[in-house]
mmCIF file of all heavy atoms, coordinates in Angstrom:
data_MODEL
# 
_entry.id   MODEL 
# 
loop_
_atom_site.group_PDB 
_atom_site.id 
_atom_site.type_symbol 
_atom_site.label_atom_id 
_atom_site.label_alt_id 
_atom_site.label_comp_id 
_atom_site.label_asym_id 
_atom_site.label_entity_id 
_atom_site.label_seq_id 
_atom_site.pdbx_PDB_ins_code 
_atom_site.Cartn_x 
_atom_site.Cartn_y 
_atom_site.Cartn_z 
_atom_site.occupancy 
_atom_site.B_iso_or_equiv 
_atom_site.pdbx_formal_charge 
_atom_site.auth_seq_id 
_atom_site.auth_comp_id 
_atom_site.auth_asym_id 
_atom_site.auth_atom_id 
_atom_site.pdbx_PDB_model_num 
ATOM 1   N N   . LYS A 1 1  ? 132.622 123.719 62.001 1.00 0.00 ? 1  LYS A N   1 
ATOM 2   C CA  . LYS A 1 1  ? 132.441 125.091 61.576 1.00 0.00 ? 1  LYS A CA  1 
ATOM 3   C C   . LYS A 1 1  ? 133.167 126.084 62.602 1.00 0.00 ? 1  LYS A C   1 
ATOM 4   O O   . LYS A 1 1  ? 133.440 127.235 62.188 1.00 0.00 ? 1  LYS A O   1 
ATOM 5   C CB  . LYS A 1 1  ? 130.961 125.469 61.518 1.00 0.00 ? 1  LYS A CB  1 
ATOM 6   C CG  . LYS A 1 1  ? 130.122 124.690 60.465 1.00 0.00 ? 1  LYS A CG  1 
ATOM 7   C CD  . LYS A 1 1  ? 128.649 125.051 60.600 1.00 0.00 ? 1  LYS A CD  1 
ATOM 8   C CE  . LYS A 1 1  ? 127.756 124.193 59.717 1.00 0.00 ? 1  LYS A CE  1 
ATOM 9   N NZ  . LYS A 1 1  ? 126.311 124.533 59.929 1.00 0.00 ? 1  LYS A NZ  1 
ATOM 10  N N   . HIS A 1 2  ? 133.363 125.609 63.733 1.00 0.00 ? 2  HIS A N   1 
ATOM 11  C CA  . HIS A 1 2  ? 133.909 126.442 64.769 1.00 0.00 ? 2  HIS A CA  1 
ATOM 12  C C   . HIS A 1 2  ? 135.328 126.100 65.254 1.00 0.00 ? 2  HIS A C   1 
ATOM 13  O O   . HIS A 1 2  ? 136.049 127.019 65.701 1.00 0.00 ? 2  HIS A O   1 
ATOM 14  C CB  . HIS A 1 2  ? 132.992 126.399 65.943 1.00 0.00 ? 2  HIS A CB  1 
ATOM 15  C CG  . HIS A 1 2  ? 131.552 126.677 65.673 1.00 0.00 ? 2  HIS A CG  1 
ATOM 16  N ND1 . HIS A 1 2  ? 131.006 127.952 65.407 1.00 0.00 ? 2  HIS A ND1 1 
ATOM 17  C CD2 . HIS A 1 2  ? 130.537 125.823 65.450 1.00 0.00 ? 2  HIS A CD2 1 
ATOM 18  C CE1 . HIS A 1 2  ? 129.776 127.845 65.127 1.00 0.00 ? 2  HIS A CE1 1 
ATOM 19  N NE2 . HIS A 1 2  ? 129.391 126.569 65.155 1.00 0.00 ? 2  HIS A NE2 1 
ATOM 20  N N   . LEU A 1 3  ? 135.689 124.800 65.136 1.00 0.00 ? 3  LEU A N   1 
ATOM 21  C CA  . LEU A 1 3  ? 137.035 124.401 65.582 1.00 0.00 ? 3  LEU A CA  1 
ATOM 22  C C   . LEU A 1 3  ? 137.584 123.316 64.620 1.00 0.00 ? 3  LEU A C   1 
ATOM 23  O O   . LEU A 1 3  ? 136.759 122.536 64.094 1.00 0.00 ? 3  LEU A O   1 
ATOM 24  C CB  . LEU A 1 3  ? 136.959 123.779 67.015 1.00 0.00 ? 3  LEU A CB  1 
ATOM 25  C CG  . LEU A 1 3  ? 136.847 124.747 68.200 1.00 0.00 ? 3  LEU A CG  1 
ATOM 26  C CD1 . LEU A 1 3  ? 136.628 123.964 69.447 1.00 0.00 ? 3  LEU A CD1 1 
ATOM 27  C CD2 . LEU A 1 3  ? 138.134 125.614 68.305 1.00 0.00 ? 3  LEU A CD2 1 
ATOM 28  N N   . PRO A 1 4  ? 138.868 123.234 64.461 1.00 0.00 ? 4  PRO A N   1 
ATOM 29  C CA  . PRO A 1 4  ? 139.441 122.084 63.768 1.00 0.00 ? 4  PRO A CA  1 
ATOM 30  C C   . PRO A 1 4  ? 139.083 120.765 64.500 1.00 0.00 ? 4  PRO A C   1 
ATOM 31  O O   . PRO A 1 4  ? 138.843 120.755 65.703 1.00 0.00 ? 4  PRO A O   1 
ATOM 32  C CB  . PRO A 1 4  ? 140.970 122.328 63.796 1.00 0.00 ? 4  PRO A CB  1 
ATOM 33  C CG  . PRO A 1 4  ? 141.085 123.801 64.085 1.00 0.00 ? 4  PRO A CG  1 
ATOM 34  C CD  . PRO A 1 4  ? 139.888 124.184 64.913 1.00 0.00 ? 4  PRO A CD  1 
ATOM 35  N N   . LEU A 1 5  ? 138.991 119.675 63.739 1.00 0.00 ? 5  LEU A N   1 
ATOM 36  C CA  . LEU A 1 5  ? 138.471 118.430 64.342 1.00 0.00 ? 5  LEU A CA  1 
ATOM 37  C C   . LEU A 1 5  ? 139.638 117.410 64.470 1.00 0.00 ? 5  LEU A C   1 
ATOM 38  O O   . LEU A 1 5  ? 140.534 117.290 63.577 1.00 0.00 ? 5  LEU A O   1 
ATOM 39  C CB  . LEU A 1 5  ? 137.390 117.836 63.436 1.00 0.00 ? 5  LEU A CB  1 
ATOM 40  C CG  . LEU A 1 5  ? 136.089 118.676 63.302 1.00 0.00 ? 5  LEU A CG  1 
ATOM 41  C CD1 . LEU A 1 5  ? 135.280 117.980 62.256 1.00 0.00 ? 5  LEU A CD1 1 
ATOM 42  C CD2 . LEU A 1 5  ? 135.438 118.836 64.564 1.00 0.00 ? 5  LEU A CD2 1 
ATOM 43  N N   . MET A 1 6  ? 139.627 116.727 65.441 1.00 0.00 ? 6  MET A N   1 
ATOM 44  C CA  . MET A 1 6  ? 140.449 115.479 65.622 1.00 0.00 ? 6  MET A CA  1 
ATOM 45  C C   . MET A 1 6  ? 139.555 114.331 65.158 1.00 0.00 ? 6  MET A C   1 
ATOM 46  O O   . MET A 1 6  ? 138.454 114.107 65.716 1.00 0.00 ? 6  MET A O   1 
ATOM 47  C CB  . MET A 1 6  ? 140.870 115.288 67.049 1.00 0.00 ? 6  MET A CB  1 
ATOM 48  C CG  . MET A 1 6  ? 141.654 113.959 67.256 1.00 0.00 ? 6  MET A CG  1 
ATOM 49  S SD  . MET A 1 6  ? 142.078 113.565 68.949 1.00 0.00 ? 6  MET A SD  1 
ATOM 50  C CE  . MET A 1 6  ? 142.912 112.017 68.776 1.00 0.00 ? 6  MET A CE  1 
ATOM 51  N N   . LEU A 1 7  ? 140.050 113.600 64.201 1.00 0.00 ? 7  LEU A N   1 
ATOM 52  C CA  . LEU A 1 7  ? 139.202 112.488 63.639 1.00 0.00 ? 7  LEU A CA  1 
ATOM 53  C C   . LEU A 1 7  ? 139.787 111.121 63.820 1.00 0.00 ? 7  LEU A C   1 
ATOM 54  O O   . LEU A 1 7  ? 139.270 110.137 63.319 1.00 0.00 ? 7  LEU A O   1 
ATOM 55  C CB  . LEU A 1 7  ? 139.057 112.747 62.125 1.00 0.00 ? 7  LEU A CB  1 
ATOM 56  C CG  . LEU A 1 7  ? 138.332 114.102 61.766 1.00 0.00 ? 7  LEU A CG  1 
ATOM 57  C CD1 . LEU A 1 7  ? 138.351 114.319 60.236 1.00 0.00 ? 7  LEU A CD1 1 
ATOM 58  C CD2 . LEU A 1 7  ? 136.926 114.068 62.307 1.00 0.00 ? 7  LEU A CD2 1 
ATOM 59  N N   . HIS A 1 8  ? 140.933 111.010 64.502 1.00 0.00 ? 8  HIS A N   1 
ATOM 60  C CA  . HIS A 1 8  ? 141.598 109.721 64.698 1.00 0.00 ? 8  HIS A CA  1 
ATOM 61  C C   . HIS A 1 8  ? 141.727 109.274 66.141 1.00 0.00 ? 8  HIS A C   1 
ATOM 62  O O   . HIS A 1 8  ? 142.540 108.458 66.524 1.00 0.00 ? 8  HIS A O   1 
ATOM 63  C CB  . HIS A 1 8  ? 143.013 109.756 64.080 1.00 0.00 ? 8  HIS A CB  1 
ATOM 64  C CG  . HIS A 1 8  ? 143.895 110.750 64.655 1.00 0.00 ? 8  HIS A CG  1 
ATOM 65  N ND1 . HIS A 1 8  ? 143.832 112.071 64.373 1.00 0.00 ? 8  HIS A ND1 1 
ATOM 66  C CD2 . HIS A 1 8  ? 144.959 110.595 65.522 1.00 0.00 ? 8  HIS A CD2 1 
ATOM 67  C CE1 . HIS A 1 8  ? 144.777 112.699 65.113 1.00 0.00 ? 8  HIS A CE1 1 
ATOM 68  N NE2 . HIS A 1 8  ? 145.447 111.864 65.803 1.00 0.00 ? 8  HIS A NE2 1 
ATOM 69  N N   . CYS A 1 9  ? 140.743 109.699 66.923 1.00 0.00 ? 9  CYS A N   1 
ATOM 70  C CA  . CYS A 1 9  ? 140.723 109.332 68.367 1.00 0.00 ? 9  CYS A CA  1 
ATOM 71  C C   . CYS A 1 9  ? 140.579 107.848 68.628 1.00 0.00 ? 9  CYS A C   1 
ATOM 72  O O   . CYS A 1 9  ? 139.753 107.170 67.868 1.00 0.00 ? 9  CYS A O   1 
ATOM 73  C CB  . CYS A 1 9  ? 139.579 110.093 69.107 1.00 0.00 ? 9  CYS A CB  1 
ATOM 74  S SG  . CYS A 1 9  ? 139.495 109.595 70.885 1.00 0.00 ? 9  CYS A SG  1 
ATOM 75  N N   . ALA A 1 10 ? 141.356 107.243 69.479 1.00 0.00 ? 10 ALA A N   1 
ATOM 76  C CA  . ALA A 1 10 ? 141.319 105.857 69.715 1.00 0.00 ? 10 ALA A CA  1 
ATOM 77  C C   . ALA A 1 10 ? 140.594 105.483 71.042 1.00 0.00 ? 10 ALA A C   1 
ATOM 78  O O   . ALA A 1 10 ? 140.631 104.302 71.454 1.00 0.00 ? 10 ALA A O   1 
ATOM 79  C CB  . ALA A 1 10 ? 142.775 105.234 69.742 1.00 0.00 ? 10 ALA A CB  1 
ATOM 80  N N   . ARG A 1 11 ? 139.999 106.468 71.654 1.00 0.00 ? 11 ARG A N   1 
ATOM 81  C CA  . ARG A 1 11 ? 139.291 106.267 72.963 1.00 0.00 ? 11 ARG A CA  1 
ATOM 82  C C   . ARG A 1 11 ? 140.134 105.444 73.897 1.00 0.00 ? 11 ARG A C   1 
ATOM 83  O O   . ARG A 1 11 ? 139.775 104.346 74.336 1.00 0.00 ? 11 ARG A O   1 
ATOM 84  C CB  . ARG A 1 11 ? 137.912 105.599 72.731 1.00 0.00 ? 11 ARG A CB  1 
ATOM 85  C CG  . ARG A 1 11 ? 136.968 106.447 72.007 1.00 0.00 ? 11 ARG A CG  1 
ATOM 86  C CD  . ARG A 1 11 ? 135.542 105.996 72.126 1.00 0.00 ? 11 ARG A CD  1 
ATOM 87  N NE  . ARG A 1 11 ? 135.222 104.852 71.325 1.00 0.00 ? 11 ARG A NE  1 
ATOM 88  C CZ  . ARG A 1 11 ? 133.981 104.556 70.914 1.00 0.00 ? 11 ARG A CZ  1 
ATOM 89  N NH1 . ARG A 1 11 ? 133.012 105.387 71.146 1.00 0.00 ? 11 ARG A NH1 1 
ATOM 90  N NH2 . ARG A 1 11 ? 133.770 103.427 70.287 1.00 0.00 ? 11 ARG A NH2 1 
ATOM 91  N N   . CYS A 1 12 ? 141.240 105.991 74.288 1.00 0.00 ? 12 CYS A N   1 
ATOM 92  C CA  . CYS A 1 12 ? 142.298 105.274 74.917 1.00 0.00 ? 12 CYS A CA  1 
ATOM 93  C C   . CYS A 1 12 ? 142.013 104.893 76.416 1.00 0.00 ? 12 CYS A C   1 
ATOM 94  O O   . CYS A 1 12 ? 141.291 105.703 77.110 1.00 0.00 ? 12 CYS A O   1 
ATOM 95  C CB  . CYS A 1 12 ? 143.609 106.086 74.936 1.00 0.00 ? 12 CYS A CB  1 
ATOM 96  S SG  . CYS A 1 12 ? 144.255 106.407 73.311 1.00 0.00 ? 12 CYS A SG  1 
ATOM 97  N N   . ARG A 1 13 ? 142.462 103.792 76.839 1.00 0.00 ? 13 ARG A N   1 
ATOM 98  C CA  . ARG A 1 13 ? 142.445 103.392 78.231 1.00 0.00 ? 13 ARG A CA  1 
ATOM 99  C C   . ARG A 1 13 ? 143.308 104.293 79.132 1.00 0.00 ? 13 ARG A C   1 
ATOM 100 O O   . ARG A 1 13 ? 144.160 105.029 78.610 1.00 0.00 ? 13 ARG A O   1 
ATOM 101 C CB  . ARG A 1 13 ? 142.915 101.944 78.406 1.00 0.00 ? 13 ARG A CB  1 
ATOM 102 C CG  . ARG A 1 13 ? 142.041 100.865 77.781 1.00 0.00 ? 13 ARG A CG  1 
ATOM 103 C CD  . ARG A 1 13 ? 142.817 99.600  77.659 1.00 0.00 ? 13 ARG A CD  1 
ATOM 104 N NE  . ARG A 1 13 ? 143.368 99.159  78.886 1.00 0.00 ? 13 ARG A NE  1 
ATOM 105 C CZ  . ARG A 1 13 ? 142.868 98.203  79.756 1.00 0.00 ? 13 ARG A CZ  1 
ATOM 106 N NH1 . ARG A 1 13 ? 141.734 97.627  79.361 1.00 0.00 ? 13 ARG A NH1 1 
ATOM 107 N NH2 . ARG A 1 13 ? 143.500 97.889  80.801 1.00 0.00 ? 13 ARG A NH2 1 
ATOM 108 N N   . ALA A 1 14 ? 143.079 104.235 80.423 1.00 0.00 ? 14 ALA A N   1 
ATOM 109 C CA  . ALA A 1 14 ? 143.878 105.024 81.328 1.00 0.00 ? 14 ALA A CA  1 
ATOM 110 C C   . ALA A 1 14 ? 145.292 104.499 81.422 1.00 0.00 ? 14 ALA A C   1 
ATOM 111 O O   . ALA A 1 14 ? 146.191 105.149 82.008 1.00 0.00 ? 14 ALA A O   1 
ATOM 112 C CB  . ALA A 1 14 ? 143.261 105.085 82.699 1.00 0.00 ? 14 ALA A CB  1 
ATOM 113 N N   . ASP A 1 15 ? 145.559 103.297 80.899 1.00 0.00 ? 15 ASP A N   1 
ATOM 114 C CA  . ASP A 1 15 ? 146.936 102.657 80.938 1.00 0.00 ? 15 ASP A CA  1 
ATOM 115 C C   . ASP A 1 15 ? 147.468 102.436 79.523 1.00 0.00 ? 15 ASP A C   1 
ATOM 116 O O   . ASP A 1 15 ? 148.301 101.596 79.301 1.00 0.00 ? 15 ASP A O   1 
ATOM 117 C CB  . ASP A 1 15 ? 146.951 101.430 81.816 1.00 0.00 ? 15 ASP A CB  1 
ATOM 118 C CG  . ASP A 1 15 ? 146.040 100.329 81.222 1.00 0.00 ? 15 ASP A CG  1 
ATOM 119 O OD1 . ASP A 1 15 ? 145.373 100.573 80.184 1.00 0.00 ? 15 ASP A OD1 1 
ATOM 120 O OD2 . ASP A 1 15 ? 145.895 99.234  81.878 1.00 0.00 ? 15 ASP A OD2 1 
ATOM 121 N N   . ALA A 1 16 ? 146.893 103.164 78.534 1.00 0.00 ? 16 ALA A N   1 
ATOM 122 C CA  . ALA A 1 16 ? 147.284 102.933 77.191 1.00 0.00 ? 16 ALA A CA  1 
ATOM 123 C C   . ALA A 1 16 ? 148.762 103.182 76.999 1.00 0.00 ? 16 ALA A C   1 
ATOM 124 O O   . ALA A 1 16 ? 149.393 104.121 77.621 1.00 0.00 ? 16 ALA A O   1 
ATOM 125 C CB  . ALA A 1 16 ? 146.493 103.912 76.233 1.00 0.00 ? 16 ALA A CB  1 
ATOM 126 N N   . VAL A 1 17 ? 149.418 102.471 76.035 1.00 0.00 ? 17 VAL A N   1 
ATOM 127 C CA  . VAL A 1 17 ? 150.838 102.641 75.752 1.00 0.00 ? 17 VAL A CA  1 
ATOM 128 C C   . VAL A 1 17 ? 151.114 102.231 74.312 1.00 0.00 ? 17 VAL A C   1 
ATOM 129 O O   . VAL A 1 17 ? 150.443 101.357 73.858 1.00 0.00 ? 17 VAL A O   1 
ATOM 130 C CB  . VAL A 1 17 ? 151.659 101.815 76.751 1.00 0.00 ? 17 VAL A CB  1 
ATOM 131 C CG1 . VAL A 1 17 ? 151.437 100.385 76.581 1.00 0.00 ? 17 VAL A CG1 1 
ATOM 132 C CG2 . VAL A 1 17 ? 153.192 102.088 76.606 1.00 0.00 ? 17 VAL A CG2 1 
ATOM 133 N N   . GLY A 1 18 ? 152.001 102.951 73.698 1.00 0.00 ? 18 GLY A N   1 
ATOM 134 C CA  . GLY A 1 18 ? 152.391 102.611 72.348 1.00 0.00 ? 18 GLY A CA  1 
ATOM 135 C C   . GLY A 1 18 ? 151.623 103.556 71.331 1.00 0.00 ? 18 GLY A C   1 
ATOM 136 O O   . GLY A 1 18 ? 151.217 104.591 71.647 1.00 0.00 ? 18 GLY A O   1 
ATOM 137 N N   . LEU A 1 19 ? 151.586 103.070 70.087 1.00 0.00 ? 19 LEU A N   1 
ATOM 138 C CA  . LEU A 1 19 ? 150.916 103.789 69.023 1.00 0.00 ? 19 LEU A CA  1 
ATOM 139 C C   . LEU A 1 19 ? 149.350 103.737 69.258 1.00 0.00 ? 19 LEU A C   1 
ATOM 140 O O   . LEU A 1 19 ? 148.893 102.836 69.899 1.00 0.00 ? 19 LEU A O   1 
ATOM 141 C CB  . LEU A 1 19 ? 151.262 103.178 67.644 1.00 0.00 ? 19 LEU A CB  1 
ATOM 142 C CG  . LEU A 1 19 ? 152.710 103.137 67.209 1.00 0.00 ? 19 LEU A CG  1 
ATOM 143 C CD1 . LEU A 1 19 ? 152.870 102.364 65.888 1.00 0.00 ? 19 LEU A CD1 1 
ATOM 144 C CD2 . LEU A 1 19 ? 153.286 104.497 67.148 1.00 0.00 ? 19 LEU A CD2 1 
ATOM 145 N N   . LEU A 1 20 ? 148.723 104.799 68.725 1.00 0.00 ? 20 LEU A N   1 
ATOM 146 C CA  . LEU A 1 20 ? 147.274 104.832 68.888 1.00 0.00 ? 20 LEU A CA  1 
ATOM 147 C C   . LEU A 1 20 ? 146.624 103.660 68.252 1.00 0.00 ? 20 LEU A C   1 
ATOM 148 O O   . LEU A 1 20 ? 147.011 103.256 67.166 1.00 0.00 ? 20 LEU A O   1 
ATOM 149 C CB  . LEU A 1 20 ? 146.696 106.097 68.229 1.00 0.00 ? 20 LEU A CB  1 
ATOM 150 C CG  . LEU A 1 20 ? 147.085 107.467 68.766 1.00 0.00 ? 20 LEU A CG  1 
ATOM 151 C CD1 . LEU A 1 20 ? 146.325 108.564 68.047 1.00 0.00 ? 20 LEU A CD1 1 
ATOM 152 C CD2 . LEU A 1 20 ? 146.843 107.543 70.278 1.00 0.00 ? 20 LEU A CD2 1 
ATOM 153 N N   . GLY A 1 21 ? 145.704 103.019 68.985 1.00 0.00 ? 21 GLY A N   1 
ATOM 154 C CA  . GLY A 1 21 ? 145.027 101.882 68.468 1.00 0.00 ? 21 GLY A CA  1 
ATOM 155 C C   . GLY A 1 21 ? 145.778 100.525 68.642 1.00 0.00 ? 21 GLY A C   1 
ATOM 156 O O   . GLY A 1 21 ? 145.241 99.485  68.317 1.00 0.00 ? 21 GLY A O   1 
ATOM 157 N N   . GLN A 1 22 ? 146.979 100.643 69.244 1.00 0.00 ? 22 GLN A N   1 
ATOM 158 C CA  . GLN A 1 22 ? 147.789 99.456  69.411 1.00 0.00 ? 22 GLN A CA  1 
ATOM 159 C C   . GLN A 1 22 ? 147.453 98.851  70.836 1.00 0.00 ? 22 GLN A C   1 
ATOM 160 O O   . GLN A 1 22 ? 147.404 99.556  71.840 1.00 0.00 ? 22 GLN A O   1 
ATOM 161 C CB  . GLN A 1 22 ? 149.245 99.872  69.367 1.00 0.00 ? 22 GLN A CB  1 
ATOM 162 C CG  . GLN A 1 22 ? 150.291 98.708  69.554 1.00 0.00 ? 22 GLN A CG  1 
ATOM 163 C CD  . GLN A 1 22 ? 151.672 99.174  69.573 1.00 0.00 ? 22 GLN A CD  1 
ATOM 164 O OE1 . GLN A 1 22 ? 152.063 99.928  70.424 1.00 0.00 ? 22 GLN A OE1 1 
ATOM 165 N NE2 . GLN A 1 22 ? 152.439 98.751  68.612 1.00 0.00 ? 22 GLN A NE2 1 
ATOM 166 N N   . ALA A 1 23 ? 147.238 97.535  70.845 1.00 0.00 ? 23 ALA A N   1 
ATOM 167 C CA  . ALA A 1 23 ? 146.983 96.903  72.113 1.00 0.00 ? 23 ALA A CA  1 
ATOM 168 C C   . ALA A 1 23 ? 148.283 96.844  72.948 1.00 0.00 ? 23 ALA A C   1 
ATOM 169 O O   . ALA A 1 23 ? 149.357 96.805  72.413 1.00 0.00 ? 23 ALA A O   1 
ATOM 170 C CB  . ALA A 1 23 ? 146.509 95.442  71.896 1.00 0.00 ? 23 ALA A CB  1 
ATOM 171 N N   . MET A 1 24 ? 148.161 96.884  74.291 1.00 0.00 ? 24 MET A N   1 
ATOM 172 C CA  . MET A 1 24 ? 149.275 96.831  75.114 1.00 0.00 ? 24 MET A CA  1 
ATOM 173 C C   . MET A 1 24 ? 149.946 95.414  75.020 1.00 0.00 ? 24 MET A C   1 
ATOM 174 O O   . MET A 1 24 ? 149.297 94.413  75.235 1.00 0.00 ? 24 MET A O   1 
ATOM 175 C CB  . MET A 1 24 ? 148.870 97.068  76.566 1.00 0.00 ? 24 MET A CB  1 
ATOM 176 C CG  . MET A 1 24 ? 150.117 97.041  77.527 1.00 0.00 ? 24 MET A CG  1 
ATOM 177 S SD  . MET A 1 24 ? 149.671 97.126  79.260 1.00 0.00 ? 24 MET A SD  1 
ATOM 178 C CE  . MET A 1 24 ? 149.042 98.826  79.378 1.00 0.00 ? 24 MET A CE  1 
# 
């Protein structure tokens, strides 16, 4: 109701790389 929402968060690691949700 107050802000647009991000709905595709992948809860990424601190060393994430590549497309969202893709394993290193």
